[in-house]
Protein backbone atom coordinates (compact mmCIF):
# COMPACT_ATOMS: atom_id res chain seq x y z
CA MET A 1 1.08 5.84 1.03
CA THR A 2 1.18 9.54 0.22
CA ASN A 3 -1.85 11.85 0.19
CA GLN A 4 -1.43 12.08 -3.58
CA ASP A 5 -1.49 8.28 -3.82
CA VAL A 6 -4.65 8.16 -1.72
CA GLY A 7 -6.37 10.66 -4.01
CA ALA A 8 -5.35 8.82 -7.17
CA ILE A 9 -6.43 5.44 -5.81
CA GLU A 10 -9.75 6.86 -4.58
CA ALA A 11 -10.41 8.26 -8.06
CA LEU A 12 -9.62 4.89 -9.66
CA LEU A 13 -11.81 3.00 -7.21
CA LYS A 14 -14.68 5.43 -7.76
CA ARG A 15 -14.62 4.68 -11.52
CA LEU A 16 -14.07 0.96 -11.06
CA PRO A 17 -17.70 -0.26 -10.85
CA TYR A 18 -18.61 1.49 -14.12
CA ARG A 19 -15.46 0.25 -15.80
CA ILE A 20 -16.01 -3.33 -14.70
CA LYS A 21 -19.60 -3.25 -15.95
CA ARG A 22 -18.56 -1.76 -19.29
CA ALA A 23 -15.62 -4.14 -19.68
CA LYS A 24 -17.77 -7.20 -18.96
CA ALA A 25 -20.26 -6.04 -21.57
CA LEU A 26 -17.45 -5.55 -24.08
CA LYS A 27 -16.07 -9.00 -23.29
CA LEU A 28 -19.46 -10.58 -23.96
CA ARG A 29 -19.76 -8.74 -27.26
CA VAL A 30 -16.29 -9.56 -28.56
CA ASN A 31 -16.64 -13.17 -27.41
CA ALA A 32 -19.81 -13.27 -29.57
CA GLY A 33 -17.77 -12.17 -32.57
CA GLU A 34 -18.57 -8.45 -32.57
CA VAL A 35 -16.07 -5.69 -33.26
CA LEU A 36 -15.54 -2.56 -31.19
CA ASN A 37 -17.28 0.65 -32.17
CA GLU A 38 -15.89 4.19 -31.75
CA GLY A 39 -17.46 4.57 -28.29
CA ASP A 40 -15.84 1.33 -27.16
CA ILE A 41 -12.47 2.42 -28.50
CA ASP A 42 -12.79 5.81 -26.79
CA PHE A 43 -13.60 4.05 -23.51
CA LEU A 44 -10.53 1.83 -23.81
CA LYS A 45 -8.33 4.81 -24.70
CA ARG A 46 -9.49 6.58 -21.51
CA VAL A 47 -8.78 3.46 -19.47
CA PHE A 48 -5.30 3.09 -20.94
CA THR A 49 -4.54 6.80 -20.45
CA ASP A 50 -5.64 6.61 -16.80
CA THR A 51 -3.65 3.44 -16.30
CA GLU A 52 -0.48 5.02 -17.61
CA ALA A 53 -1.04 8.13 -15.49
CA THR A 54 -1.47 6.09 -12.30
CA ARG A 55 0.98 3.27 -13.02
CA THR A 56 3.62 4.54 -10.59
CA VAL A 57 1.02 5.03 -7.85
CA LEU A 58 -0.14 1.44 -8.27
CA GLU A 59 3.44 0.18 -8.34
CA ARG A 60 4.09 1.88 -4.98
CA ASN A 61 0.99 0.31 -3.42
CA PRO A 62 1.18 -3.49 -3.64
CA ASN A 63 -2.28 -3.97 -2.11
CA TYR A 64 -3.69 -3.00 -5.51
CA HIS A 65 -1.41 -5.14 -7.71
CA LYS A 66 -3.80 -8.09 -7.93
CA LEU A 67 -6.78 -5.92 -8.83
CA ALA A 68 -4.78 -3.96 -11.40
CA GLY A 69 -3.52 -7.22 -12.91
CA GLN A 70 -7.02 -8.64 -13.17
CA MET A 71 -8.28 -5.51 -14.90
CA ALA A 72 -5.29 -5.52 -17.25
CA ASP A 73 -6.00 -9.17 -18.13
CA LEU A 74 -9.63 -8.32 -18.87
CA TYR A 75 -8.70 -5.41 -21.14
CA LEU A 76 -6.03 -7.52 -22.86
CA HIS A 77 -8.63 -10.21 -23.57
CA ILE A 78 -11.08 -7.65 -24.96
CA THR A 79 -8.53 -6.02 -27.26
CA THR A 80 -7.03 -9.31 -28.43
CA VAL A 81 -10.39 -10.89 -29.30
CA ALA A 82 -11.68 -7.66 -30.86
CA LEU A 83 -8.61 -7.53 -33.12
CA GLU A 84 -9.18 -11.14 -34.15
CA ASN A 85 -12.80 -10.29 -34.94
CA GLU A 86 -11.70 -7.31 -37.05
CA ARG A 87 -9.35 -9.52 -39.04
CA LYS A 88 -12.20 -11.93 -39.81
CA GLU A 89 -14.27 -9.19 -41.45
């Protein structure tokens, strides 16, 4: 693992508790039939931008594959259900 990888992973892990809390709250809301608001969409955009920027770092460090996959599954669920909710309106 390079020093650059360490810095990137540390930054991701520092944001992780907030992101998990926010994502769980979003999951509850979309599962209840709500749609995403602008703040929610901005949050997801930041997550996806960060993910793309650190994708190669995560690929080089297999210890984080499972965690990254679980977070990706959570965000996929949120966006899929939110889109279904939008279509219902």
